[in-house]
């Protein structure tokens, strides 16, 4: 009889069998970390934010969740009131006063411009680009934030590109020539930002996500024209 070519499986108490069990246990442990850590971090951050917001009215309000509800309601109310013409004039005067107030103008304008860049009408992180800075064969992922650098006397040949850092809230601003950037039009800006800050650890989605983002940006850009009342003919 010919000897069987199938290798014999390691015996139960052999060193090879022990290593297999150790590797399997390590895989289970790592898989558990992958599942639990993101959920735990997310829950911890949300709970921390909720506790901070809920504690704004402490000790005047003791009911759990009522303080956070009041803060959210206040934000929605202010946003709704700010759309009225009278409110716009009032907020405009307050804005001018805070911009000229000594000592607080820097804090106010910095916070205002930061929020406007992310969530306001002057959002800057909507044009993802590849920028060539250090070497011709090395590209960085960034966002085109300014195309008018006349204040720096660089002319129209230069643009401002912000490059976020991975796993950090910081970033770097580069003033480069326009030919050193390539627009990223087939990806959603949110996906590009996520890819940059995670160090390329996430999967880019080039289909529905980018199409949806472009549709939302187009809808926000379209403003319905105000219908002017037709003038009545003058009485003869």
C-alpha atoms as a PDB file:
ATOM      1  CA  UNK A   1       0.000   0.000   0.000  1.00  0.00           C
ATOM      2  CA  UNK A   2       1.121   3.504  -0.839  1.00  0.00           C
ATOM      3  CA  UNK A   3       1.542   5.827   2.073  1.00  0.00           C
ATOM      4  CA  UNK A   4      -1.150   8.537   2.324  1.00  0.00           C
ATOM      5  CA  UNK A   5      -0.051  11.984   1.091  1.00  0.00           C
ATOM      6  CA  UNK A   6      -2.403  13.830   3.507  1.00  0.00           C
ATOM      7  CA  UNK A   7      -0.376  15.377   6.333  1.00  0.00           C
ATOM      8  CA  UNK A   8      -1.324  14.160   9.720  1.00  0.00           C
ATOM      9  CA  UNK A   9      -3.133  16.722  11.888  1.00  0.00           C
ATOM     10  CA  UNK A  10      -1.273  17.799  14.999  1.00  0.00           C
ATOM     11  CA  UNK A  11      -2.154  15.896  18.090  1.00  0.00           C
ATOM     12  CA  UNK A  12      -4.257  17.550  20.761  1.00  0.00           C
ATOM     13  CA  UNK A  13      -1.427  18.104  23.217  1.00  0.00           C
ATOM     14  CA  UNK A  14       1.285  18.923  20.675  1.00  0.00           C
ATOM     15  CA  UNK A  15       3.043  22.336  20.540  1.00  0.00           C
ATOM     16  CA  UNK A  16       1.539  23.033  17.082  1.00  0.00           C
ATOM     17  CA  UNK A  17      -1.976  22.506  18.427  1.00  0.00           C
ATOM     18  CA  UNK A  18      -1.244  24.829  21.345  1.00  0.00           C
ATOM     19  CA  UNK A  19      -0.005  27.549  18.989  1.00  0.00           C
ATOM     20  CA  UNK A  20      -3.149  27.228  16.893  1.00  0.00           C
ATOM     21  CA  UNK A  21      -5.313  27.710  19.968  1.00  0.00           C
ATOM     22  CA  UNK A  22      -3.256  30.740  21.010  1.00  0.00           C
ATOM     23  CA  UNK A  23      -3.546  32.311  17.546  1.00  0.00           C
ATOM     24  CA  UNK A  24      -7.285  31.677  17.484  1.00  0.00           C
ATOM     25  CA  UNK A  25      -7.690  33.224  20.947  1.00  0.00           C
ATOM     26  CA  UNK A  26      -5.655  36.257  19.853  1.00  0.00           C
ATOM     27  CA  UNK A  27      -7.859  36.669  16.760  1.00  0.00           C
ATOM     28  CA  UNK A  28     -10.986  36.534  18.907  1.00  0.00           C
ATOM     29  CA  UNK A  29      -9.532  39.151  21.264  1.00  0.00           C
ATOM     30  CA  UNK A  30      -8.522  41.524  18.456  1.00  0.00           C
ATOM     31  CA  UNK A  31     -11.901  41.091  16.786  1.00  0.00           C
ATOM     32  CA  UNK A  32     -13.581  41.939  20.067  1.00  0.00           C
ATOM     33  CA  UNK A  33     -11.523  45.131  20.276  1.00  0.00           C
ATOM     34  CA  UNK A  34     -12.532  46.098  16.739  1.00  0.00           C
ATOM     35  CA  UNK A  35     -16.199  45.671  17.655  1.00  0.00           C
ATOM     36  CA  UNK A  36     -16.234  47.153  21.168  1.00  0.00           C
ATOM     37  CA  UNK A  37     -13.755  50.049  21.075  1.00  0.00           C
ATOM     38  CA  UNK A  38     -15.538  52.187  18.422  1.00  0.00           C
ATOM     39  CA  UNK A  39     -18.887  51.653  20.134  1.00  0.00           C
ATOM     40  CA  UNK A  40     -17.442  52.440  23.573  1.00  0.00           C
ATOM     41  CA  UNK A  41     -15.643  55.573  22.384  1.00  0.00           C
ATOM     42  CA  UNK A  42     -18.755  56.818  20.581  1.00  0.00           C
ATOM     43  CA  UNK A  43     -21.006  56.231  23.579  1.00  0.00           C
ATOM     44  CA  UNK A  44     -18.464  57.852  25.936  1.00  0.00           C
ATOM     45  CA  UNK A  45     -18.121  60.994  23.795  1.00  0.00           C
ATOM     46  CA  UNK A  46     -21.883  61.341  23.295  1.00  0.00           C
ATOM     47  CA  UNK A  47     -22.469  60.841  27.028  1.00  0.00           C
ATOM     48  CA  UNK A  48     -19.773  63.402  27.875  1.00  0.00           C
ATOM     49  CA  UNK A  49     -21.282  65.984  25.517  1.00  0.00           C
ATOM     50  CA  UNK A  50     -24.783  65.265  26.804  1.00  0.00           C
ATOM     51  CA  UNK A  51     -23.629  65.658  30.419  1.00  0.00           C
ATOM     52  CA  UNK A  52     -21.850  68.938  29.634  1.00  0.00           C
ATOM     53  CA  UNK A  53     -24.834  70.396  27.802  1.00  0.00           C
ATOM     54  CA  UNK A  54     -27.279  69.094  30.385  1.00  0.00           C
ATOM     55  CA  UNK A  55     -25.226  70.640  33.188  1.00  0.00           C
ATOM     56  CA  UNK A  56     -25.350  74.183  31.798  1.00  0.00           C
ATOM     57  CA  UNK A  57     -28.473  74.989  33.841  1.00  0.00           C
ATOM     58  CA  UNK A  58     -27.272  73.116  36.923  1.00  0.00           C
ATOM     59  CA  UNK A  59     -28.166  73.452  39.804  1.00  0.00           C
ATOM     60  CA  UNK A  60     -31.330  75.271  38.700  1.00  0.00           C
ATOM     61  CA  UNK A  61     -32.645  72.264  36.785  1.00  0.00           C
ATOM     62  CA  UNK A  62     -32.195  68.827  38.336  1.00  0.00           C
ATOM     63  CA  UNK A  63     -34.150  66.714  35.854  1.00  0.00           C
ATOM     64  CA  UNK A  64     -31.829  64.601  33.697  1.00  0.00           C
ATOM     65  CA  UNK A  65     -32.078  65.540  30.031  1.00  0.00           C
ATOM     66  CA  UNK A  66     -34.167  68.683  30.528  1.00  0.00           C
ATOM     67  CA  UNK A  67     -31.133  70.981  30.372  1.00  0.00           C
ATOM     68  CA  UNK A  68     -29.958  69.441  27.084  1.00  0.00           C
ATOM     69  CA  UNK A  69     -33.482  69.740  25.688  1.00  0.00           C
ATOM     70  CA  UNK A  70     -33.604  73.437  26.619  1.00  0.00           C
ATOM     71  CA  UNK A  71     -30.218  74.101  24.987  1.00  0.00           C
ATOM     72  CA  UNK A  72     -31.244  72.347  21.761  1.00  0.00           C
ATOM     73  CA  UNK A  73     -34.560  74.213  21.745  1.00  0.00           C
ATOM     74  CA  UNK A  74     -32.724  77.500  22.290  1.00  0.00           C
ATOM     75  CA  UNK A  75     -30.398  76.835  19.346  1.00  0.00           C
ATOM     76  CA  UNK A  76     -33.329  76.001  17.054  1.00  0.00           C
ATOM     77  CA  UNK A  77     -35.249  79.077  18.224  1.00  0.00           C
ATOM     78  CA  UNK A  78     -32.314  81.436  17.643  1.00  0.00           C
ATOM     79  CA  UNK A  79     -31.753  79.923  14.199  1.00  0.00           C
ATOM     80  CA  UNK A  80     -35.413  80.441  13.299  1.00  0.00           C
ATOM     81  CA  UNK A  81     -35.538  84.011  14.653  1.00  0.00           C
ATOM     82  CA  UNK A  82     -32.333  84.962  12.828  1.00  0.00           C
ATOM     83  CA  UNK A  83     -34.113  84.531   9.470  1.00  0.00           C
ATOM     84  CA  UNK A  84     -36.379  87.533  10.022  1.00  0.00           C
ATOM     85  CA  UNK A  85     -35.233  90.899   8.568  1.00  0.00           C
ATOM     86  CA  UNK A  86     -35.472  92.676  11.918  1.00  0.00           C
ATOM     87  CA  UNK A  87     -33.410  89.991  13.620  1.00  0.00           C
ATOM     88  CA  UNK A  88     -30.789  90.152  10.868  1.00  0.00           C
ATOM     89  CA  UNK A  89     -30.355  93.876  11.511  1.00  0.00           C
ATOM     90  CA  UNK A  90     -30.087  93.328  15.260  1.00  0.00           C
ATOM     91  CA  UNK A  91     -27.573  90.490  14.879  1.00  0.00           C
ATOM     92  CA  UNK A  92     -25.679  92.635  12.371  1.00  0.00           C
ATOM     93  CA  UNK A  93     -25.286  95.430  14.940  1.00  0.00           C
ATOM     94  CA  UNK A  94     -24.194  92.923  17.592  1.00  0.00           C
ATOM     95  CA  UNK A  95     -21.711  91.433  15.135  1.00  0.00           C
ATOM     96  CA  UNK A  96     -20.168  94.846  14.390  1.00  0.00           C
ATOM     97  CA  UNK A  97     -19.988  95.706  18.084  1.00  0.00           C
ATOM     98  CA  UNK A  98     -18.236  92.449  18.985  1.00  0.00           C
ATOM     99  CA  UNK A  99     -15.827  92.832  16.076  1.00  0.00           C
ATOM    100  CA  UNK A 100     -14.769  96.246  17.380  1.00  0.00           C
ATOM    101  CA  UNK A 101     -14.802  95.436  21.101  1.00  0.00           C
ATOM    102  CA  UNK A 102     -11.240  95.369  22.460  1.00  0.00           C
ATOM    103  CA  UNK A 103     -10.139  92.105  24.034  1.00  0.00           C
ATOM    104  CA  UNK A 104     -12.987  89.954  22.722  1.00  0.00           C
ATOM    105  CA  UNK A 105     -12.903  90.699  18.988  1.00  0.00           C
ATOM    106  CA  UNK A 106     -10.196  88.113  18.321  1.00  0.00           C
ATOM    107  CA  UNK A 107     -12.076  85.372  20.202  1.00  0.00           C
ATOM    108  CA  UNK A 108     -15.415  86.235  18.605  1.00  0.00           C
ATOM    109  CA  UNK A 109     -14.180  86.490  15.014  1.00  0.00           C
ATOM    110  CA  UNK A 110     -12.110  83.304  15.318  1.00  0.00           C
ATOM    111  CA  UNK A 111     -15.043  81.291  16.670  1.00  0.00           C
ATOM    112  CA  UNK A 112     -17.442  82.793  14.120  1.00  0.00           C
ATOM    113  CA  UNK A 113     -15.208  82.183  11.118  1.00  0.00           C
ATOM    114  CA  UNK A 114     -14.440  78.639  12.304  1.00  0.00           C
ATOM    115  CA  UNK A 115     -18.119  77.716  12.513  1.00  0.00           C
ATOM    116  CA  UNK A 116     -18.892  79.505   9.238  1.00  0.00           C
ATOM    117  CA  UNK A 117     -16.190  77.440   7.521  1.00  0.00           C
ATOM    118  CA  UNK A 118     -17.834  74.189   8.624  1.00  0.00           C
ATOM    119  CA  UNK A 119     -21.563  74.883   8.907  1.00  0.00           C
ATOM    120  CA  UNK A 120     -22.372  78.404   7.796  1.00  0.00           C
ATOM    121  CA  UNK A 121     -23.036  80.105   4.490  1.00  0.00           C
ATOM    122  CA  UNK A 122     -19.293  80.502   3.883  1.00  0.00           C
ATOM    123  CA  UNK A 123     -18.303  76.871   4.110  1.00  0.00           C
ATOM    124  CA  UNK A 124     -14.729  76.368   2.955  1.00  0.00           C
ATOM    125  CA  UNK A 125     -14.205  72.610   3.271  1.00  0.00           C
ATOM    126  CA  UNK A 126     -16.328  71.690   0.271  1.00  0.00           C
ATOM    127  CA  UNK A 127     -13.642  71.531  -2.450  1.00  0.00           C
ATOM    128  CA  UNK A 128     -11.355  68.547  -1.906  1.00  0.00           C
ATOM    129  CA  UNK A 129      -8.074  68.602  -3.813  1.00  0.00           C
ATOM    130  CA  UNK A 130      -4.739  66.862  -4.148  1.00  0.00           C
ATOM    131  CA  UNK A 131      -1.882  69.289  -3.578  1.00  0.00           C
ATOM    132  CA  UNK A 132       1.756  68.907  -4.552  1.00  0.00           C
ATOM    133  CA  UNK A 133       4.029  70.608  -2.011  1.00  0.00           C
ATOM    134  CA  UNK A 134       7.187  68.769  -1.010  1.00  0.00           C
ATOM    135  CA  UNK A 135       7.957  66.724  -4.095  1.00  0.00           C
ATOM    136  CA  UNK A 136       6.649  66.292  -7.610  1.00  0.00           C
ATOM    137  CA  UNK A 137       5.781  62.657  -6.913  1.00  0.00           C
ATOM    138  CA  UNK A 138       4.162  63.211  -3.495  1.00  0.00           C
ATOM    139  CA  UNK A 139       0.561  64.401  -3.175  1.00  0.00           C
ATOM    140  CA  UNK A 140      -1.268  65.532  -0.050  1.00  0.00           C
ATOM    141  CA  UNK A 141      -5.022  65.390   0.546  1.00  0.00           C
ATOM    142  CA  UNK A 142      -6.417  68.825   1.329  1.00  0.00           C
ATOM    143  CA  UNK A 143      -9.198  71.350   0.790  1.00  0.00           C
ATOM    144  CA  UNK A 144      -9.183  74.475  -1.334  1.00  0.00           C
ATOM    145  CA  UNK A 145     -10.163  77.226   1.111  1.00  0.00           C
ATOM    146  CA  UNK A 146      -9.305  80.471  -0.687  1.00  0.00           C
ATOM    147  CA  UNK A 147      -8.748  81.402  -4.318  1.00  0.00           C
ATOM    148  CA  UNK A 148      -8.222  85.131  -3.775  1.00  0.00           C
ATOM    149  CA  UNK A 149      -4.865  85.799  -2.120  1.00  0.00           C
ATOM    150  CA  UNK A 150      -4.682  89.457  -3.085  1.00  0.00           C
ATOM    151  CA  UNK A 151      -4.208  90.280   0.596  1.00  0.00           C
ATOM    152  CA  UNK A 152      -0.839  88.521   0.445  1.00  0.00           C
ATOM    153  CA  UNK A 153       0.000  90.159  -2.919  1.00  0.00           C
ATOM    154  CA  UNK A 154       0.393  86.770  -4.595  1.00  0.00           C
ATOM    155  CA  UNK A 155      -2.119  87.326  -7.365  1.00  0.00           C
ATOM    156  CA  UNK A 156      -4.486  84.830  -8.946  1.00  0.00           C
ATOM    157  CA  UNK A 157      -1.753  82.278  -9.595  1.00  0.00           C
ATOM    158  CA  UNK A 158      -1.752  81.176  -5.946  1.00  0.00           C
ATOM    159  CA  UNK A 159      -4.448  79.511  -3.859  1.00  0.00           C
ATOM    160  CA  UNK A 160      -4.791  78.474  -0.209  1.00  0.00           C
ATOM    161  CA  UNK A 161      -5.031  74.761   0.585  1.00  0.00           C
ATOM    162  CA  UNK A 162      -5.662  73.364   4.074  1.00  0.00           C
ATOM    163  CA  UNK A 163      -4.209  69.902   4.727  1.00  0.00           C
ATOM    164  CA  UNK A 164      -5.667  68.131   7.813  1.00  0.00           C
ATOM    165  CA  UNK A 165      -3.467  65.886   9.935  1.00  0.00           C
ATOM    166  CA  UNK A 166      -4.299  62.250  10.593  1.00  0.00           C
ATOM    167  CA  UNK A 167      -5.719  61.431  14.052  1.00  0.00           C
ATOM    168  CA  UNK A 168      -5.399  65.062  15.073  1.00  0.00           C
ATOM    169  CA  UNK A 169      -7.534  68.201  15.076  1.00  0.00           C
ATOM    170  CA  UNK A 170      -4.641  70.237  13.679  1.00  0.00           C
ATOM    171  CA  UNK A 171      -3.603  70.835  10.095  1.00  0.00           C
ATOM    172  CA  UNK A 172      -1.325  72.858   7.846  1.00  0.00           C
ATOM    173  CA  UNK A 173      -2.134  75.742   5.512  1.00  0.00           C
ATOM    174  CA  UNK A 174      -0.206  75.955   2.242  1.00  0.00           C
ATOM    175  CA  UNK A 175      -0.181  78.820  -0.266  1.00  0.00           C
ATOM    176  CA  UNK A 176       0.688  77.123  -3.545  1.00  0.00           C
ATOM    177  CA  UNK A 177       0.459  77.802  -7.248  1.00  0.00           C
ATOM    178  CA  UNK A 178      -2.799  76.814  -8.868  1.00  0.00           C
ATOM    179  CA  UNK A 179      -1.142  74.272 -11.173  1.00  0.00           C
ATOM    180  CA  UNK A 180       0.049  72.324  -8.120  1.00  0.00           C
ATOM    181  CA  UNK A 181      -3.463  71.196  -7.188  1.00  0.00           C
ATOM    182  CA  UNK A 182      -5.828  68.636  -8.672  1.00  0.00           C
ATOM    183  CA  UNK A 183      -9.546  68.815  -7.831  1.00  0.00           C
ATOM    184  CA  UNK A 184     -11.170  65.682  -6.412  1.00  0.00           C
ATOM    185  CA  UNK A 185     -14.591  65.817  -8.042  1.00  0.00           C
ATOM    186  CA  UNK A 186     -15.597  62.137  -7.931  1.00  0.00           C
ATOM    187  CA  UNK A 187     -15.561  61.905  -4.111  1.00  0.00           C
ATOM    188  CA  UNK A 188     -17.703  63.556  -1.469  1.00  0.00           C
ATOM    189  CA  UNK A 189     -15.808  66.143   0.635  1.00  0.00           C
ATOM    190  CA  UNK A 190     -16.930  64.413   3.842  1.00  0.00           C
ATOM    191  CA  UNK A 191     -15.444  61.108   2.645  1.00  0.00           C
ATOM    192  CA  UNK A 192     -12.187  62.834   1.689  1.00  0.00           C
ATOM    193  CA  UNK A 193     -11.967  64.476   5.118  1.00  0.00           C
ATOM    194  CA  UNK A 194     -12.613  61.143   6.832  1.00  0.00           C
ATOM    195  CA  UNK A 195      -9.945  59.496   4.683  1.00  0.00           C
ATOM    196  CA  UNK A 196      -7.409  62.212   5.542  1.00  0.00           C
ATOM    197  CA  UNK A 197      -7.960  62.362   9.308  1.00  0.00           C
ATOM    198  CA  UNK A 198      -7.905  58.564   9.652  1.00  0.00           C
ATOM    199  CA  UNK A 199      -4.643  58.238   7.765  1.00  0.00           C
ATOM    200  CA  UNK A 200      -6.237  56.394   4.849  1.00  0.00           C
ATOM    201  CA  UNK A 201      -7.721  53.693   7.085  1.00  0.00           C
ATOM    202  CA  UNK A 202     -11.265  53.986   5.706  1.00  0.00           C
ATOM    203  CA  UNK A 203     -12.652  52.796   2.405  1.00  0.00           C
ATOM    204  CA  UNK A 204     -13.500  55.477  -0.135  1.00  0.00           C
ATOM    205  CA  UNK A 205     -16.974  55.283  -1.651  1.00  0.00           C
ATOM    206  CA  UNK A 206     -17.104  56.743  -5.140  1.00  0.00           C
ATOM    207  CA  UNK A 207     -20.716  55.979  -5.966  1.00  0.00           C
ATOM    208  CA  UNK A 208     -23.864  56.928  -4.105  1.00  0.00           C
ATOM    209  CA  UNK A 209     -22.161  58.924  -1.360  1.00  0.00           C
ATOM    210  CA  UNK A 210     -20.486  61.425  -3.669  1.00  0.00           C
ATOM    211  CA  UNK A 211     -23.589  61.702  -5.867  1.00  0.00           C
ATOM    212  CA  UNK A 212     -25.739  62.398  -2.830  1.00  0.00           C
ATOM    213  CA  UNK A 213     -23.303  65.020  -1.537  1.00  0.00           C
ATOM    214  CA  UNK A 214     -23.241  66.794  -4.904  1.00  0.00           C
ATOM    215  CA  UNK A 215     -27.039  66.767  -5.041  1.00  0.00           C
ATOM    216  CA  UNK A 216     -27.240  68.270  -1.553  1.00  0.00           C
ATOM    217  CA  UNK A 217     -24.692  70.966  -2.405  1.00  0.00           C
ATOM    218  CA  UNK A 218     -26.612  71.819  -5.578  1.00  0.00           C
ATOM    219  CA  UNK A 219     -29.894  72.040  -3.667  1.00  0.00           C
ATOM    220  CA  UNK A 220     -28.341  74.348  -1.076  1.00  0.00           C
ATOM    221  CA  UNK A 221     -26.815  76.555  -3.775  1.00  0.00           C
ATOM    222  CA  UNK A 222     -30.133  77.027  -5.533  1.00  0.00           C
ATOM    223  CA  UNK A 223     -32.012  79.922  -3.993  1.00  0.00           C
ATOM    224  CA  UNK A 224     -35.535  80.604  -5.084  1.00  0.00           C
ATOM    225  CA  UNK A 225     -35.761  84.108  -6.568  1.00  0.00           C
ATOM    226  CA  UNK A 226     -38.061  86.468  -4.800  1.00  0.00           C
ATOM    227  CA  UNK A 227     -41.147  87.301  -6.849  1.00  0.00           C
ATOM    228  CA  UNK A 228     -41.531  91.022  -7.102  1.00  0.00           C
ATOM    229  CA  UNK A 229     -45.083  92.326  -6.985  1.00  0.00           C
ATOM    230  CA  UNK A 230     -46.342  93.519 -10.337  1.00  0.00           C
ATOM    231  CA  UNK A 231     -46.809  97.234 -10.480  1.00  0.00           C
ATOM    232  CA  UNK A 232     -50.325  98.430 -10.942  1.00  0.00           C
ATOM    233  CA  UNK A 233     -50.935 100.680 -13.937  1.00  0.00           C
ATOM    234  CA  UNK A 234     -51.280 104.297 -13.047  1.00  0.00           C
ATOM    235  CA  UNK A 235     -54.782 105.640 -13.061  1.00  0.00           C
ATOM    236  CA  UNK A 236     -55.524 107.804 -16.080  1.00  0.00           C
END
